[in-house]
Structure formats: C-alpha cells, structure tokens
C-alpha atoms as a PDB file:
ATOM      1  CA  MET A   1      99.935  34.396  -5.424  1.00  0.00           C
ATOM      2  CA  ALA A   2      99.309  37.977  -4.055  1.00  0.00           C
ATOM      3  CA  SER A   3      98.773  38.894  -7.788  1.00  0.00           C
ATOM      4  CA  ASP A   4      95.773  36.240  -7.823  1.00  0.00           C
ATOM      5  CA  PRO A   5      92.634  38.292  -7.840  1.00  0.00           C
ATOM      6  CA  THR A   6      91.058  35.548  -5.248  1.00  0.00           C
ATOM      7  CA  GLU A   7      94.016  35.863  -3.064  1.00  0.00           C
ATOM      8  CA  LYS A   8      94.170  40.036  -3.321  1.00  0.00           C
ATOM      9  CA  ARG A   9      90.396  39.675  -1.940  1.00  0.00           C
ATOM     10  CA  ALA A  10      91.192  37.201   0.804  1.00  0.00           C
ATOM     11  CA  ILE A  11      93.867  39.973   1.975  1.00  0.00           C
ATOM     12  CA  LEU A  12      91.528  42.584   1.470  1.00  0.00           C
ATOM     13  CA  TYR A  13      88.911  40.765   3.725  1.00  0.00           C
ATOM     14  CA  GLY A  14      91.559  39.761   6.370  1.00  0.00           C
ATOM     15  CA  LEU A  15      92.734  43.754   6.329  1.00  0.00           C
ATOM     16  CA  GLY A  16      89.255  44.334   7.098  1.00  0.00           C
ATOM     17  CA  ALA A  17      88.873  42.050   9.901  1.00  0.00           C
ATOM     18  CA  VAL A  18      92.174  43.432  11.462  1.00  0.00           C
ATOM     19  CA  ALA A  19      90.725  46.996  10.988  1.00  0.00           C
ATOM     20  CA  LEU A  20      87.687  46.416  12.813  1.00  0.00           C
ATOM     21  CA  TRP A  21      89.360  44.486  15.511  1.00  0.00           C
ATOM     22  CA  SER A  22      91.589  47.473  15.994  1.00  0.00           C
ATOM     23  CA  THR A  23      89.224  49.620  17.005  1.00  0.00           C
ATOM     24  CA  VAL A  24      87.461  47.567  20.049  1.00  0.00           C
ATOM     25  CA  ALA A  25      89.564  48.216  22.480  1.00  0.00           C
ATOM     26  CA  THR A  26      88.762  51.998  22.065  1.00  0.00           C
ATOM     27  CA  ALA A  27      84.976  51.114  21.859  1.00  0.00           C
ATOM     28  CA  PHE A  28      85.193  49.134  24.838  1.00  0.00           C
ATOM     29  CA  ASN A  29      86.775  51.851  27.208  1.00  0.00           C
ATOM     30  CA  ILE A  30      84.265  54.535  25.754  1.00  0.00           C
ATOM     31  CA  SER A  31      81.222  52.505  26.390  1.00  0.00           C
ATOM     32  CA  LEU A  32      82.384  51.201  30.259  1.00  0.00           C
ATOM     33  CA  GLU A  33      82.218  54.846  30.895  1.00  0.00           C
ATOM     34  CA  PHE A  34      78.436  54.863  30.486  1.00  0.00           C
ATOM     35  CA  VAL A  35      77.300  51.046  31.137  1.00  0.00           C
ATOM     36  CA  SER A  36      78.835  47.977  33.564  1.00  0.00           C
ATOM     37  CA  PRO A  37      80.220  45.169  32.036  1.00  0.00           C
ATOM     38  CA  LEU A  38      76.686  43.130  32.263  1.00  0.00           C
ATOM     39  CA  VAL A  39      74.718  45.552  30.132  1.00  0.00           C
ATOM     40  CA  LEU A  40      77.559  46.112  27.573  1.00  0.00           C
ATOM     41  CA  VAL A  41      77.870  42.317  26.930  1.00  0.00           C
ATOM     42  CA  THR A  42      74.132  41.654  27.395  1.00  0.00           C
ATOM     43  CA  ILE A  43      73.663  44.543  23.907  1.00  0.00           C
ATOM     44  CA  ALA A  44      76.462  43.550  22.333  1.00  0.00           C
ATOM     45  CA  SER A  45      75.512  39.468  22.564  1.00  0.00           C
ATOM     46  CA  ALA A  46      71.692  40.321  21.327  1.00  0.00           C
ATOM     47  CA  THR A  47      73.199  42.710  18.576  1.00  0.00           C
ATOM     48  CA  SER A  48      75.489  39.870  17.350  1.00  0.00           C
ATOM     49  CA  TRP A  49      72.407  37.597  17.479  1.00  0.00           C
ATOM     50  CA  LEU A  50      70.356  39.277  15.182  1.00  0.00           C
ATOM     51  CA  PHE A  51      73.302  40.075  12.534  1.00  0.00           C
ATOM     52  CA  LEU A  52      73.911  36.171  12.683  1.00  0.00           C
ATOM     53  CA  ALA A  53      70.204  35.426  12.310  1.00  0.00           C
ATOM     54  CA  ALA A  54      69.892  37.820   9.474  1.00  0.00           C
ATOM     55  CA  ILE A  55      72.953  36.345   7.714  1.00  0.00           C
ATOM     56  CA  LEU A  56      71.651  32.743   8.102  1.00  0.00           C
ATOM     57  CA  VAL A  57      68.477  33.849   6.414  1.00  0.00           C
ATOM     58  CA  MET A  58      69.941  35.787   3.300  1.00  0.00           C
ATOM     59  CA  THR A  59      72.288  32.589   2.624  1.00  0.00           C
ATOM     60  CA  GLY A  60      69.265  30.132   3.408  1.00  0.00           C
ATOM     61  CA  GLU A  61      71.152  28.230   5.807  1.00  0.00           C
ATOM     62  CA  PHE A  62      68.392  28.823   8.900  1.00  0.00           C
ATOM     63  CA  GLY A  63      66.536  26.038   8.203  1.00  0.00           C
ATOM     64  CA  ALA A  64      69.605  23.865   8.797  1.00  0.00           C
ATOM     65  CA  LEU A  65      69.881  24.780  12.142  1.00  0.00           C
ATOM     66  CA  PHE A  66      66.707  22.448  12.868  1.00  0.00           C
ATOM     67  CA  ARG A  67      68.713  19.364  11.866  1.00  0.00           C
ATOM     68  CA  ILE A  68      71.172  19.522  13.816  1.00  0.00           C
ATOM     69  CA  PRO A  69      71.773  16.743  16.061  1.00  0.00           C
ATOM     70  CA  SER A  70      70.809  17.277  20.030  1.00  0.00           C
ATOM     71  CA  ARG A  71      74.170  16.264  21.234  1.00  0.00           C
ATOM     72  CA  GLU A  72      75.376  18.962  18.926  1.00  0.00           C
ATOM     73  CA  LEU A  73      73.109  21.662  20.040  1.00  0.00           C
ATOM     74  CA  LEU A  74      73.897  21.046  23.814  1.00  0.00           C
ATOM     75  CA  ARG A  75      77.759  21.353  23.091  1.00  0.00           C
ATOM     76  CA  LEU A  76      76.619  24.241  21.206  1.00  0.00           C
ATOM     77  CA  PHE A  77      74.671  26.316  23.732  1.00  0.00           C
ATOM     78  CA  LEU A  78      77.544  25.257  26.340  1.00  0.00           C
ATOM     79  CA  LEU A  79      80.010  26.734  24.383  1.00  0.00           C
ATOM     80  CA  GLY A  80      77.783  29.918  23.770  1.00  0.00           C
ATOM     81  CA  LEU A  81      78.059  30.185  27.924  1.00  0.00           C
ATOM     82  CA  VAL A  82      81.731  30.231  27.795  1.00  0.00           C
ATOM     83  CA  ASN A  83      81.798  32.806  24.864  1.00  0.00           C
ATOM     84  CA  PRO A  84      80.394  35.230  24.330  1.00  0.00           C
ATOM     85  CA  ALA A  85      78.673  35.235  28.042  1.00  0.00           C
ATOM     86  CA  LEU A  86      81.272  34.785  30.285  1.00  0.00           C
ATOM     87  CA  TYR A  87      84.285  35.285  28.217  1.00  0.00           C
ATOM     88  CA  TYR A  88      83.320  38.875  27.255  1.00  0.00           C
ATOM     89  CA  PHE A  89      81.633  39.759  30.869  1.00  0.00           C
ATOM     90  CA  LEU A  90      85.339  39.064  32.485  1.00  0.00           C
ATOM     91  CA  LEU A  91      86.831  41.229  29.486  1.00  0.00           C
ATOM     92  CA  PHE A  92      85.049  44.198  29.985  1.00  0.00           C
ATOM     93  CA  GLY A  93      85.567  43.613  33.774  1.00  0.00           C
ATOM     94  CA  ALA A  94      89.352  44.001  32.758  1.00  0.00           C
ATOM     95  CA  TYR A  95      88.800  47.080  30.749  1.00  0.00           C
ATOM     96  CA  ALA A  96      86.843  48.620  33.057  1.00  0.00           C
ATOM     97  CA  ARG A  97      89.672  48.532  35.824  1.00  0.00           C
ATOM     98  CA  LEU A  98      92.559  49.067  33.702  1.00  0.00           C
ATOM     99  CA  PRO A  99      93.641  51.309  30.875  1.00  0.00           C
ATOM    100  CA  ALA A 100      92.526  50.137  27.812  1.00  0.00           C
ATOM    101  CA  GLN A 101      96.155  49.686  26.537  1.00  0.00           C
ATOM    102  CA  GLU A 102      97.151  47.081  28.999  1.00  0.00           C
ATOM    103  CA  ALA A 103      93.955  45.165  29.187  1.00  0.00           C
ATOM    104  CA  MET A 104      94.289  44.958  25.267  1.00  0.00           C
ATOM    105  CA  ALA A 105      98.009  43.911  25.143  1.00  0.00           C
ATOM    106  CA  ILE A 106      97.478  41.236  27.729  1.00  0.00           C
ATOM    107  CA  ASN A 107      94.109  39.898  26.151  1.00  0.00           C
ATOM    108  CA  TYR A 108      96.773  39.193  23.251  1.00  0.00           C
ATOM    109  CA  SER A 109      98.452  36.535  25.059  1.00  0.00           C
ATOM    110  CA  TRP A 110      95.497  34.086  24.876  1.00  0.00           C
ATOM    111  CA  GLY A 111      97.148  32.450  21.750  1.00  0.00           C
ATOM    112  CA  LEU A 112      99.978  31.185  23.843  1.00  0.00           C
ATOM    113  CA  VAL A 113      97.109  29.486  26.276  1.00  0.00           C
ATOM    114  CA  LEU A 114      95.923  27.675  23.280  1.00  0.00           C
ATOM    115  CA  PRO A 115      98.732  25.127  22.476  1.00  0.00           C
ATOM    116  CA  LEU A 116      99.630  24.737  26.330  1.00  0.00           C
ATOM    117  CA  LEU A 117      95.786  23.642  27.230  1.00  0.00           C
ATOM    118  CA  ALA A 118      95.743  21.474  24.303  1.00  0.00           C
ATOM    119  CA  VAL A 119      98.418  19.167  25.615  1.00  0.00           C
ATOM    120  CA  PRO A 120      96.086  17.504  28.720  1.00  0.00           C
ATOM    121  CA  LEU A 121      92.806  18.416  27.151  1.00  0.00           C
ATOM    122  CA  LEU A 122      93.471  17.347  23.501  1.00  0.00           C
ATOM    123  CA  GLY A 123      96.510  14.615  24.066  1.00  0.00           C
ATOM    124  CA  GLN A 124      98.690  16.887  21.530  1.00  0.00           C
ATOM    125  CA  ALA A 125     102.543  16.887  22.134  1.00  0.00           C
ATOM    126  CA  LEU A 126     104.101  19.792  23.832  1.00  0.00           C
ATOM    127  CA  ARG A 127     106.658  21.661  21.795  1.00  0.00           C
ATOM    128  CA  ALA A 128     109.338  23.121  23.207  1.00  0.00           C
ATOM    129  CA  ARG A 129     108.876  26.286  21.068  1.00  0.00           C
ATOM    130  CA  ASP A 130     105.322  26.446  22.896  1.00  0.00           C
ATOM    131  CA  VAL A 131     107.134  26.665  26.284  1.00  0.00           C
ATOM    132  CA  TYR A 132     109.918  29.023  25.154  1.00  0.00           C
ATOM    133  CA  ALA A 133     107.079  31.457  23.401  1.00  0.00           C
ATOM    134  CA  ALA A 134     104.679  31.067  26.538  1.00  0.00           C
ATOM    135  CA  LEU A 135     107.771  32.207  28.598  1.00  0.00           C
ATOM    136  CA  VAL A 136     108.327  35.204  26.771  1.00  0.00           C
ATOM    137  CA  SER A 137     104.880  36.506  26.122  1.00  0.00           C
ATOM    138  CA  TYR A 138     104.097  36.238  29.571  1.00  0.00           C
ATOM    139  CA  ALA A 139     107.087  38.045  30.849  1.00  0.00           C
ATOM    140  CA  GLY A 140     105.339  40.788  28.510  1.00  0.00           C
ATOM    141  CA  VAL A 141     102.665  40.111  30.219  1.00  0.00           C
ATOM    142  CA  PHE A 142     104.303  40.878  33.826  1.00  0.00           C
ATOM    143  CA  VAL A 143     105.726  44.160  32.626  1.00  0.00           C
ATOM    144  CA  ILE A 144     102.594  45.692  31.492  1.00  0.00           C
ATOM    145  CA  ALA A 145     101.006  44.457  34.657  1.00  0.00           C
ATOM    146  CA  THR A 146     103.579  45.745  36.969  1.00  0.00           C
ATOM    147  CA  ARG A 147     103.852  48.835  34.775  1.00  0.00           C
ATOM    148  CA  GLY A 148     107.661  48.406  34.558  1.00  0.00           C
ATOM    149  CA  ASP A 149     108.206  47.960  38.063  1.00  0.00           C
ATOM    150  CA  VAL A 150     109.102  44.044  37.377  1.00  0.00           C
ATOM    151  CA  TRP A 151     111.511  44.134  40.569  1.00  0.00           C
ATOM    152  CA  GLY A 152     108.570  45.364  42.768  1.00  0.00           C
ATOM    153  CA  PHE A 153     106.517  42.654  42.076  1.00  0.00           C
ATOM    154  CA  ARG A 154     103.718  45.112  42.688  1.00  0.00           C
ATOM    155  CA  LEU A 155     100.767  44.836  40.231  1.00  0.00           C
ATOM    156  CA  SER A 156      99.088  47.737  38.727  1.00  0.00           C
ATOM    157  CA  ASP A 157      95.482  45.929  39.549  1.00  0.00           C
ATOM    158  CA  PRO A 158      95.589  42.880  40.541  1.00  0.00           C
ATOM    159  CA  ILE A 159      91.745  42.073  39.816  1.00  0.00           C
ATOM    160  CA  GLY A 160      92.197  44.065  36.532  1.00  0.00           C
ATOM    161  CA  VAL A 161      94.924  41.856  35.480  1.00  0.00           C
ATOM    162  CA  ALA A 162      93.467  38.598  36.495  1.00  0.00           C
ATOM    163  CA  LEU A 163      90.260  39.241  34.873  1.00  0.00           C
ATOM    164  CA  ALA A 164      92.401  39.869  31.707  1.00  0.00           C
ATOM    165  CA  LEU A 165      93.950  36.628  32.475  1.00  0.00           C
ATOM    166  CA  ALA A 166      91.098  34.677  33.181  1.00  0.00           C
ATOM    167  CA  SER A 167      89.570  35.651  29.904  1.00  0.00           C
ATOM    168  CA  THR A 168      92.261  34.674  27.468  1.00  0.00           C
ATOM    169  CA  LEU A 169      92.117  30.859  29.639  1.00  0.00           C
ATOM    170  CA  LEU A 170      88.027  30.928  28.814  1.00  0.00           C
ATOM    171  CA  TRP A 171      88.861  32.191  24.978  1.00  0.00           C
ATOM    172  CA  ALA A 172      91.407  29.292  24.730  1.00  0.00           C
ATOM    173  CA  LEU A 173      89.039  26.648  26.275  1.00  0.00           C
ATOM    174  CA  TYR A 174      86.029  28.218  23.444  1.00  0.00           C
ATOM    175  CA  TRP A 175      88.359  26.913  20.862  1.00  0.00           C
ATOM    176  CA  ILE A 176      89.566  23.795  22.163  1.00  0.00           C
ATOM    177  CA  GLY A 177      85.707  23.022  22.915  1.00  0.00           C
ATOM    178  CA  ASN A 178      84.952  23.572  19.092  1.00  0.00           C
ATOM    179  CA  ALA A 179      87.274  21.353  18.106  1.00  0.00           C
ATOM    180  CA  ARG A 180      84.873  18.969  18.504  1.00  0.00           C
ATOM    181  CA  VAL A 181      82.339  20.860  16.738  1.00  0.00           C
ATOM    182  CA  ARG A 182      80.947  19.598  13.176  1.00  0.00           C
ATOM    183  CA  THR A 183      78.283  22.247  12.501  1.00  0.00           C
ATOM    184  CA  PRO A 184      79.209  25.305   9.970  1.00  0.00           C
ATOM    185  CA  PRO A 185      80.832  28.239  11.754  1.00  0.00           C
ATOM    186  CA  VAL A 186      77.707  30.829  11.440  1.00  0.00           C
ATOM    187  CA  GLN A 187      75.449  28.244  12.303  1.00  0.00           C
ATOM    188  CA  GLY A 188      77.290  27.236  15.312  1.00  0.00           C
ATOM    189  CA  LEU A 189      77.844  30.937  16.711  1.00  0.00           C
ATOM    190  CA  PHE A 190      74.371  31.734  16.190  1.00  0.00           C
ATOM    191  CA  LEU A 191      73.178  28.564  18.568  1.00  0.00           C
ATOM    192  CA  GLY A 192      75.844  29.956  20.870  1.00  0.00           C
ATOM    193  CA  PHE A 193      74.911  33.199  20.874  1.00  0.00           C
ATOM    194  CA  THR A 194      71.348  32.247  21.426  1.00  0.00           C
ATOM    195  CA  ALA A 195      72.087  30.786  24.548  1.00  0.00           C
ATOM    196  CA  ALA A 196      73.964  33.567  25.864  1.00  0.00           C
ATOM    197  CA  THR A 197      72.082  36.224  25.131  1.00  0.00           C
ATOM    198  CA  LEU A 198      69.227  34.507  26.803  1.00  0.00           C
ATOM    199  CA  LEU A 199      71.259  34.150  29.892  1.00  0.00           C
ATOM    200  CA  LEU A 200      72.374  37.494  29.624  1.00  0.00           C
ATOM    201  CA  ALA A 201      69.137  39.402  29.284  1.00  0.00           C
ATOM    202  CA  ALA A 202      67.174  37.123  32.045  1.00  0.00           C
ATOM    203  CA  LEU A 203      70.148  38.354  34.255  1.00  0.00           C
ATOM    204  CA  SER A 204      70.212  41.895  33.016  1.00  0.00           C
ATOM    205  CA  VAL A 205      66.168  42.271  33.625  1.00  0.00           C
ATOM    206  CA  THR A 206      66.220  40.239  36.830  1.00  0.00           C
ATOM    207  CA  ARG A 207      68.570  42.930  38.236  1.00  0.00           C
ATOM    208  CA  GLY A 208      67.164  45.716  36.712  1.00  0.00           C
ATOM    209  CA  VAL A 209      70.241  47.053  34.720  1.00  0.00           C
ATOM    210  CA  LEU A 210      68.544  47.749  31.485  1.00  0.00           C
ATOM    211  CA  SER A 211      66.501  50.775  32.766  1.00  0.00           C
ATOM    212  CA  ASP A 212      67.720  53.960  31.908  1.00  0.00           C
ATOM    213  CA  LEU A 213      70.180  53.024  29.668  1.00  0.00           C
ATOM    214  CA  PRO A 214      72.455  55.829  28.317  1.00  0.00           C
ATOM    215  CA  TRP A 215      72.438  56.587  24.496  1.00  0.00           C
ATOM    216  CA  GLN A 216      76.222  56.503  24.323  1.00  0.00           C
ATOM    217  CA  GLY A 217      76.227  52.735  26.285  1.00  0.00           C
ATOM    218  CA  LEU A 218      73.731  51.782  23.733  1.00  0.00           C
ATOM    219  CA  VAL A 219      75.466  52.709  20.882  1.00  0.00           C
ATOM    220  CA  GLY A 220      78.770  51.219  22.049  1.00  0.00           C
ATOM    221  CA  GLY A 221      76.780  47.761  22.544  1.00  0.00           C
ATOM    222  CA  LEU A 222      75.584  47.889  19.165  1.00  0.00           C
ATOM    223  CA  TYR A 223      78.962  48.799  17.835  1.00  0.00           C
ATOM    224  CA  VAL A 224      80.640  45.944  19.406  1.00  0.00           C
ATOM    225  CA  GLY A 225      77.936  43.289  18.503  1.00  0.00           C
ATOM    226  CA  LEU A 226      77.991  44.383  15.286  1.00  0.00           C
ATOM    227  CA  PHE A 227      81.459  44.729  14.423  1.00  0.00           C
ATOM    228  CA  GLU A 228      84.084  43.031  16.742  1.00  0.00           C
ATOM    229  CA  MET A 229      81.268  39.934  17.435  1.00  0.00           C
ATOM    230  CA  GLY A 230      79.619  39.891  14.109  1.00  0.00           C
ATOM    231  CA  LEU A 231      81.154  41.202  10.941  1.00  0.00           C
ATOM    232  CA  ALA A 232      84.755  40.823  11.738  1.00  0.00           C
ATOM    233  CA  PHE A 233      84.604  37.053  11.969  1.00  0.00           C
ATOM    234  CA  ILE A 234      82.558  36.836   8.870  1.00  0.00           C
ATOM    235  CA  PHE A 235      85.591  39.018   6.925  1.00  0.00           C
ATOM    236  CA  TRP A 236      88.181  36.868   8.920  1.00  0.00           C
ATOM    237  CA  LEU A 237      85.903  33.694   7.752  1.00  0.00           C
ATOM    238  CA  LYS A 238      86.044  34.688   4.445  1.00  0.00           C
ATOM    239  CA  ALA A 239      89.501  35.515   4.189  1.00  0.00           C
ATOM    240  CA  MET A 240      90.262  32.195   5.525  1.00  0.00           C
ATOM    241  CA  ARG A 241      88.430  30.488   3.131  1.00  0.00           C
ATOM    242  CA  LEU A 242      89.264  32.225  -0.043  1.00  0.00           C
ATOM    243  CA  THR A 243      93.113  32.053   0.760  1.00  0.00           C
ATOM    244  CA  GLN A 244      95.804  29.580  -0.509  1.00  0.00           C
ATOM    245  CA  ASN A 245      98.440  30.523   2.146  1.00  0.00           C
ATOM    246  CA  THR A 246      96.818  30.412   5.469  1.00  0.00           C
ATOM    247  CA  ALA A 247     100.216  31.486   7.356  1.00  0.00           C
ATOM    248  CA  ARG A 248     100.325  34.713   5.468  1.00  0.00           C
ATOM    249  CA  ILE A 249      96.683  35.533   6.195  1.00  0.00           C
ATOM    250  CA  SER A 250      97.306  34.909   9.927  1.00  0.00           C
ATOM    251  CA  THR A 251     100.464  37.298  10.041  1.00  0.00           C
ATOM    252  CA  LEU A 252      97.976  39.869   9.449  1.00  0.00           C
ATOM    253  CA  ILE A 253      96.416  39.490  13.273  1.00  0.00           C
ATOM    254  CA  PHE A 254     100.117  41.229  13.822  1.00  0.00           C
ATOM    255  CA  LEU A 255      98.865  44.670  12.856  1.00  0.00           C
ATOM    256  CA  SER A 256      95.898  44.777  15.169  1.00  0.00           C
ATOM    257  CA  PRO A 257      97.948  45.893  18.231  1.00  0.00           C
ATOM    258  CA  PRO A 258     100.067  48.902  17.225  1.00  0.00           C
ATOM    259  CA  LEU A 259      96.785  50.157  15.506  1.00  0.00           C
ATOM    260  CA  SER A 260      94.963  49.698  18.673  1.00  0.00           C
ATOM    261  CA  LEU A 261      97.545  51.762  20.617  1.00  0.00           C
ATOM    262  CA  ILE A 262      97.162  54.556  18.032  1.00  0.00           C
ATOM    263  CA  LEU A 263      93.379  54.599  18.418  1.00  0.00           C
ATOM    264  CA  ILE A 264      94.073  54.382  21.950  1.00  0.00           C
ATOM    265  CA  TRP A 265      96.384  57.124  22.208  1.00  0.00           C
ATOM    266  CA  SER A 266      95.000  59.538  19.519  1.00  0.00           C
ATOM    267  CA  ILE A 267      90.971  58.887  20.833  1.00  0.00           C
ATOM    268  CA  LEU A 268      91.464  58.053  24.574  1.00  0.00           C
ATOM    269  CA  GLY A 269      93.902  60.245  24.912  1.00  0.00           C
ATOM    270  CA  GLU A 270      95.985  57.487  27.050  1.00  0.00           C
ATOM    271  CA  THR A 271      99.748  58.261  27.326  1.00  0.00           C
ATOM    272  CA  ILE A 272     101.308  54.800  26.118  1.00  0.00           C
ATOM    273  CA  LEU A 273     103.750  54.053  28.266  1.00  0.00           C
ATOM    274  CA  THR A 274     107.053  52.406  27.695  1.00  0.00           C
ATOM    275  CA  SER A 275     106.095  49.375  29.838  1.00  0.00           C
ATOM    276  CA  THR A 276     103.510  48.775  27.514  1.00  0.00           C
ATOM    277  CA  LEU A 277     105.546  48.722  24.463  1.00  0.00           C
ATOM    278  CA  VAL A 278     108.136  46.846  25.826  1.00  0.00           C
ATOM    279  CA  GLY A 279     105.406  44.422  27.510  1.00  0.00           C
ATOM    280  CA  LEU A 280     103.220  44.091  23.826  1.00  0.00           C
ATOM    281  CA  THR A 281     106.661  43.578  22.068  1.00  0.00           C
ATOM    282  CA  LEU A 282     107.441  40.707  24.266  1.00  0.00           C
ATOM    283  CA  ILE A 283     103.612  39.365  23.739  1.00  0.00           C
ATOM    284  CA  LEU A 284     104.077  39.892  19.839  1.00  0.00           C
ATOM    285  CA  GLY A 285     107.100  38.164  20.022  1.00  0.00           C
ATOM    286  CA  GLY A 286     106.348  35.020  21.491  1.00  0.00           C
ATOM    287  CA  LEU A 287     103.462  34.878  19.365  1.00  0.00           C
ATOM    288  CA  ALA A 288     105.667  35.039  16.423  1.00  0.00           C
ATOM    289  CA  LEU A 289     108.227  32.325  17.690  1.00  0.00           C
ATOM    290  CA  GLN A 290     105.094  30.168  18.145  1.00  0.00           C
ATOM    291  CA  HIS A 291     103.502  31.201  14.495  1.00  0.00           C
ATOM    292  CA  ALA A 292     106.977  30.553  12.701  1.00  0.00           C
ATOM    293  CA  GLY A 293     106.871  27.265  14.086  1.00  0.00           C
ATOM    294  CA  LYS A 294     103.812  26.591  12.510  1.00  0.00           C
ATOM    295  CA  THR A 295     104.818  27.750   9.599  1.00  0.00           C
ATOM    296  CA  GLN A 296     107.715  25.600   9.470  1.00  0.00           C
ATOM    297  CA  GLU A 297     105.289  22.718   9.963  1.00  0.00           C
ATOM    298  CA  ILE A 298     103.082  23.696   7.249  1.00  0.00           C
ATOM    299  CA  GLN A 299     105.607  23.951   4.913  1.00  0.00           C
ATOM    300  CA  SER A 300     107.265  20.637   5.805  1.00  0.00           C
ATOM    301  CA  ASP A 301     104.263  19.049   5.516  1.00  0.00           C
ATOM    302  CA  ALA A 302     103.123  20.684   1.945  1.00  0.00           C
ATOM    303  CA  SER A 303     107.077  19.290   1.053  1.00  0.00           C
ATOM    304  CA  ASP A 304     106.067  15.651   2.384  1.00  0.00           C
ATOM    305  CA  THR A 305     103.058  15.583   0.471  1.00  0.00           C
ATOM    306  CA  ALA A 306     104.926  17.066  -3.120  1.00  0.00           C
ATOM    307  CA  LEU A 307     107.615  14.339  -2.371  1.00  0.00           C
ATOM    308  CA  SER A 308     104.914  11.402  -1.851  1.00  0.00           C
ATOM    309  CA  SER A 309     103.112  12.337  -4.731  1.00  0.00           C
ATOM    310  CA  ALA A 310     106.360  12.571  -6.861  1.00  0.00           C
ATOM    311  CA  ASN A 311     107.194   9.252  -5.533  1.00  0.00           C
ATOM    312  CA  THR A 312     103.883   7.295  -6.706  1.00  0.00           C
ATOM    313  CA  ASP A 313     104.159   8.820  -9.948  1.00  0.00           C
END
C-alpha cells in the first residue's frame, strides 16, 4: 500500500531517479557543444567509476571484488565495453547530430528491443503483444526521424537516427548479457566501468583530445557521470528493492520523457515539434502496451500462487 512508509520511500527514490534522468538530454546537448562524444563519455565514465568505488568502500563491499570468479570478471569487463563505453559513445554521437528532443524520444524505444532480442538470445517465447507494441513504437520512431514527412521517406539525419537506434540495440544487449551475471549490481557496474574507463582513457590520451578541455565540457561530463550513470541508478535500485509493487514503481519511468521535453524547451530553447509529440506518444503507447502485458502476467502469477497455497492448506 502507498500509505506504507517503506512504499513511500520506494516511490520517492523512484521519483528521484526519474527526475535525474529527465535532465540528462539537456545536459548531453549542452555538453556536446563544447566537447566531442569521446571526451564526454570518457569524463562521465571516470566520474561514475569513482562514485561507484566510493559506494563500495562506504558499504564495505570493496573487498568482495577480489572473490569474484575469473569467468565472471571477464563477463563483467566485456559488458563494460558495451555499456558505458560503446553505448554512450553512440548515444552521444546521436545527440551531437540530432535535436535533443528527437534523440531522447528515439532512445526510449530500447524497451521494445529487449523482448525481441530475448527470443533468439535467451530462448524466450515471442508474444503477439510484443510484436504489436514494437510496431506501434517504431511507427513513432519513423514519425520522429522523418519529422512528420512519413510519405516522403526522408530521414532528418540518417546517421544520427542510425546512431540512436544502434544505441538502443546495445542497451538491450547489455541487459540480456546481465541476465547471466550473479555479481551484486553495484559491484558489477564498478567492474564494467573499470574496463570502460581504462579503454576510453587510453583512446582519449592517444588521440590527445583531453588537452585544453573547456570547463563547460568538464562540468557536463562530471554531471552526466555522477547523476545519469551513478546516482540515478542507486536511487532506482533502492526503489526496486524497497517496493512490494514493482509494476507501480516501473510505471514512474513514463514521467521522464514529458519532463525531459519541458527542460529541452525551457533551457535549450528548442521548439518542440508536433512530429516529436506524436512520435513520442506512439513510442510510449507501445511501451505501455508491453508493460500492461507484463503487469497482467505478474498479477496472474500472484493469483496462481495464492490459489496453490490455498489448495495445500
């Protein structure tokens, strides 16, 4: 129940995560005016790595890292090269080419990629609901990518759109890869960020892109690393652990896109296009359709469990 103090804390943590995530599209756009995608992802990854290290030290979990099996370490290092290294590099590339409203909206379609990839990679069954949800959401992506000129089939920026869609693919692959991880989340993230930060730092130093770094780009990278990659995840993790109603907490994520659009309009001064609003509505509609199916499954499983318990009493 929402009146439960623990449930209230879960909701507050969830809202905190959503509030932080709502700012990042604006932060990405501003930061990329001063630095390249490689520089931004390098600074952000290093910042989040330090933040996660501090969390592990404060909670006394740092020593547990040395007891993780070598095969698990390798898996976590490889996952770190997918996210944050390659995922954010492509995502920032999309933000560098597209208006923030378009990159942000397209990025939310990653939730549709996950169940589709889970079919061949995890052997899960493909539900008709997932297919319908994907068709609705990708219709929204097409509306945004063409800026409403759906019959002309002309993409506003083919490379930018391709980068945004590729980032959704990587994000889904990252979470599918995490399905086999047994390491606690913060420890796993820290090890992934260790691999990513080492690679990104080596690339940045080799290419000499960290010299004469504008302070605006540095602040932007620190903000993204601390809040988008670090603190927001901790808040969301706490919310999911505290709640007795995972479905209710997960619906809070639907608040983030409209909040992001408000910030993009008010801070960046972007005129919010009708095509963005229509496309985002379709994307969120597809996600809601998919989410409704999962909620019904959770409720059905709970009912089956209750009936089973009653029958054994």
